Protein backbone atom coordinates (compact mmCIF):
# COMPACT_ATOMS: atom_id res chain seq x y z
CA MET A 1 9.39 -23.30 -16.14
CA SER A 2 9.20 -20.72 -13.37
CA THR A 3 6.45 -20.23 -11.15
CA ARG A 4 5.02 -16.66 -10.74
CA LYS A 5 6.72 -16.86 -6.92
CA ASP A 6 10.30 -17.52 -8.71
CA LEU A 7 9.98 -14.79 -10.76
CA LEU A 8 9.00 -12.47 -8.00
CA ILE A 9 12.02 -13.66 -5.58
CA ARG A 10 14.26 -13.03 -8.65
CA ARG A 11 13.39 -9.48 -9.11
CA LEU A 12 13.11 -8.64 -5.48
CA THR A 13 16.55 -10.11 -5.26
CA ASP A 14 18.02 -8.31 -8.24
CA GLU A 15 16.50 -5.00 -7.87
CA GLY A 16 17.40 -5.05 -4.08
CA GLN A 17 21.02 -5.42 -4.95
CA LYS A 18 20.92 -2.74 -7.55
CA THR A 19 19.26 -0.64 -5.18
CA ALA A 20 21.55 -1.39 -2.32
CA ALA A 21 24.85 -0.68 -4.94
CA PHE A 22 22.94 2.49 -5.85
CA MET A 23 22.47 3.73 -2.20
CA ARG A 24 26.32 2.84 -1.60
CA TRP A 25 27.19 5.18 -4.60
CA LEU A 26 24.28 7.70 -3.10
CA ALA A 27 25.95 7.84 0.20
CA ALA A 28 29.02 8.88 -0.74
CA GLY A 29 27.88 11.74 -3.42
CA PRO A 30 25.22 14.74 -3.24
CA LEU A 31 22.98 13.81 -0.38
CA GLY A 32 21.89 17.56 -0.31
CA GLN A 33 20.73 17.56 -3.88
CA PRO A 34 17.11 18.23 -4.01
CA VAL A 35 14.95 15.65 -5.75
CA TYR A 36 11.40 16.81 -5.35
CA THR A 37 10.02 20.09 -4.76
CA THR A 38 6.29 19.32 -4.04
CA GLY A 39 4.85 17.45 -1.02
CA PRO A 40 7.60 16.96 1.83
CA GLU A 41 10.30 18.46 -0.71
CA TRP A 42 13.28 15.52 -0.09
CA GLN A 43 16.41 15.85 -1.09
CA ALA A 44 18.70 12.77 -1.76
CA ARG A 45 19.40 11.64 1.36
CA ASP A 46 15.59 11.51 2.39
CA LEU A 47 15.38 9.01 -0.43
CA LEU A 48 17.41 6.85 1.53
CA ALA A 49 15.57 6.94 4.69
CA HIS A 50 12.50 6.57 2.56
CA LEU A 51 13.65 3.59 1.00
CA VAL A 52 14.13 1.81 4.37
CA SER A 53 10.97 3.11 5.83
CA ALA A 54 9.11 1.82 2.81
CA GLU A 55 10.61 -1.78 2.70
CA GLN A 56 10.36 -2.28 6.70
CA THR A 57 6.56 -1.02 6.57
CA PHE A 58 5.66 -3.32 4.02
CA LEU A 59 7.25 -5.99 6.07
CA PHE A 60 5.07 -5.50 9.25
CA TYR A 61 1.54 -4.77 7.59
CA THR A 62 2.38 -8.10 5.12
CA ARG A 63 3.42 -10.33 7.86
CA ASP A 64 0.04 -8.86 9.99
CA ALA A 65 -2.38 -9.79 7.03
CA LEU A 66 -0.74 -13.25 6.08
CA ALA A 67 -0.93 -14.19 10.17
CA GLY A 68 -4.90 -13.38 9.96
CA GLY A 69 -4.39 -9.56 10.92
CA PRO A 70 -6.02 -6.37 8.92
CA GLY A 71 -2.54 -5.64 7.19
CA VAL A 72 -2.88 -1.94 6.07
CA PRO A 73 -5.68 -0.05 7.64
CA GLU A 74 -7.81 1.40 4.85
CA ASP A 75 -7.61 5.15 6.18
CA PHE A 76 -3.72 4.90 6.37
CA ASP A 77 -2.22 8.19 5.16
CA ILE A 78 0.37 7.12 3.11
CA ASP A 79 2.08 10.62 2.46
CA ALA A 80 1.69 11.54 6.40
CA TYR A 81 3.17 8.44 7.19
CA ASN A 82 6.33 8.67 4.54
CA ALA A 83 6.61 12.13 5.69
CA GLU A 84 6.84 11.37 9.55
CA ALA A 85 8.96 8.08 8.64
CA THR A 86 11.61 9.62 6.43
CA ALA A 87 11.67 12.49 8.95
CA ALA A 88 12.78 10.07 11.49
CA ARG A 89 15.57 8.64 9.52
CA ARG A 90 16.74 11.61 8.07
CA ASP A 91 19.89 12.01 10.00
CA ALA A 92 20.75 8.15 10.15
CA ALA A 93 24.39 7.35 8.81
CA PRO A 94 23.83 6.63 5.26
CA GLU A 95 25.96 3.50 5.54
CA ALA A 96 23.47 2.37 8.15
CA LEU A 97 20.64 2.94 6.01
CA VAL A 98 22.02 0.75 3.44
CA SER A 99 22.65 -2.21 5.76
CA GLU A 100 18.73 -1.67 7.11
CA PHE A 101 17.89 -1.59 3.06
CA GLU A 102 19.85 -4.69 2.56
CA ALA A 103 18.46 -6.60 5.84
CA ALA A 104 14.68 -5.60 5.22
CA ARG A 105 14.75 -6.53 1.72
CA ALA A 106 16.39 -10.29 2.67
CA GLU A 107 13.60 -10.69 5.20
CA THR A 108 10.88 -9.31 2.19
CA VAL A 109 12.47 -12.38 -0.29
CA ALA A 110 12.61 -14.69 2.57
CA LEU A 111 8.79 -14.26 3.60
CA VAL A 112 8.10 -14.52 -0.28
CA ARG A 113 10.19 -17.85 -0.40
CA ALA A 114 7.56 -18.93 2.57
CA LEU A 115 4.99 -18.21 0.69
CA ASP A 116 2.84 -20.97 -1.15
CA GLU A 117 1.84 -20.05 -4.44
CA ALA A 118 -2.02 -19.19 -3.84
CA ALA A 119 -0.82 -16.45 -1.31
CA LEU A 120 -0.08 -14.39 -3.87
CA ASP A 121 -3.80 -14.25 -5.29
CA ARG A 122 -4.64 -12.97 -1.36
CA PRO A 123 -6.63 -9.63 -1.38
CA SER A 124 -4.50 -7.04 0.46
CA PHE A 125 -4.83 -3.31 0.65
CA HIS A 126 -2.27 -0.94 -0.63
CA PRO A 127 -2.87 2.81 -0.26
CA TRP A 128 -1.91 3.57 -3.20
CA LEU A 129 -3.21 0.74 -5.43
CA GLY A 130 -6.25 -0.12 -3.18
CA ARG A 131 -7.47 -3.57 -2.54
CA VAL A 132 -5.30 -6.10 -5.28
CA PRO A 133 -3.59 -9.46 -4.98
CA LEU A 134 -0.48 -9.60 -3.08
CA GLU A 135 1.53 -10.29 -5.91
CA GLN A 136 0.90 -6.57 -7.41
CA ILE A 137 2.26 -4.91 -3.91
CA LEU A 138 5.40 -7.10 -4.03
CA LYS A 139 5.49 -5.87 -7.55
CA LEU A 140 5.27 -2.55 -6.66
CA LEU A 141 7.91 -2.86 -3.84
CA TYR A 142 10.70 -3.26 -6.60
CA ARG A 143 9.35 -1.00 -8.96
CA HIS A 144 9.08 2.03 -6.26
CA THR A 145 12.70 1.72 -5.67
CA MET A 146 13.00 1.80 -9.38
CA LEU A 147 11.12 5.15 -9.71
CA HIS A 148 12.88 6.81 -6.81
CA GLU A 149 16.38 6.02 -8.25
CA ARG A 150 15.25 7.24 -11.64
CA ASP A 151 14.37 10.61 -9.92
CA VAL A 152 17.56 10.78 -8.10
CA ARG A 153 19.79 10.19 -11.02
CA LYS A 154 18.03 12.64 -13.04
CA ALA A 155 18.04 15.02 -10.47
CA ILE A 156 21.83 14.57 -9.81
CA GLU A 157 22.58 14.62 -13.53
CA THR A 158 20.67 17.72 -14.03
CA GLY A 159 21.33 19.61 -10.91
CA GLN A 160 17.77 20.36 -10.37
CA PRO A 161 14.87 18.53 -8.78
CA VAL A 162 12.86 16.55 -11.09
CA PRO A 163 9.94 18.56 -12.44
CA PRO A 164 6.43 17.97 -10.52
CA VAL A 165 3.90 15.48 -12.23
CA PRO A 166 0.30 14.88 -10.85
CA ALA A 167 -0.18 11.64 -9.47
CA THR A 168 -2.80 9.76 -9.61
CA PRO A 169 -3.03 6.29 -7.55
CA PRO A 170 -4.06 3.53 -10.01
CA ALA A 171 -7.32 2.69 -7.87
CA ALA A 172 -8.53 6.24 -7.99
CA ALA A 173 -8.32 6.54 -11.91
């Protein structure tokens, strides 16, 4: 019988491979396609940068929390961070972003492999979810890439940005 940890490792690995393949496909395609018209108004190129920065930032704060540090500060402004971190990588070579994502996801999988099962229940803070068990944040990590991939594909298929949808974090609902 698979443990929760085994399932997370499998999903992070499988979805990471799918995301890397998607990023390679996108790197050779319409990087200038507008995807979002609200917030930072990202194009497809920006999503490559965002997926890398999100993965790397998750690793940083999770390692900090597991080592006894505070992890993500409760006043962390996710929108401001995403705008700044994405802008900082916007002009990076797409192939380099794919490699950075793959390396970061491999580190994420290694981090989960090294955890004992009880660590998945450790209360952790995420700016979107609020204070939840670490397991929920790990699940969000692969779901996050899936949602952005869906939006990019839809924008490319239609030639139009995805329609804005009001977003309410689950913790605020």
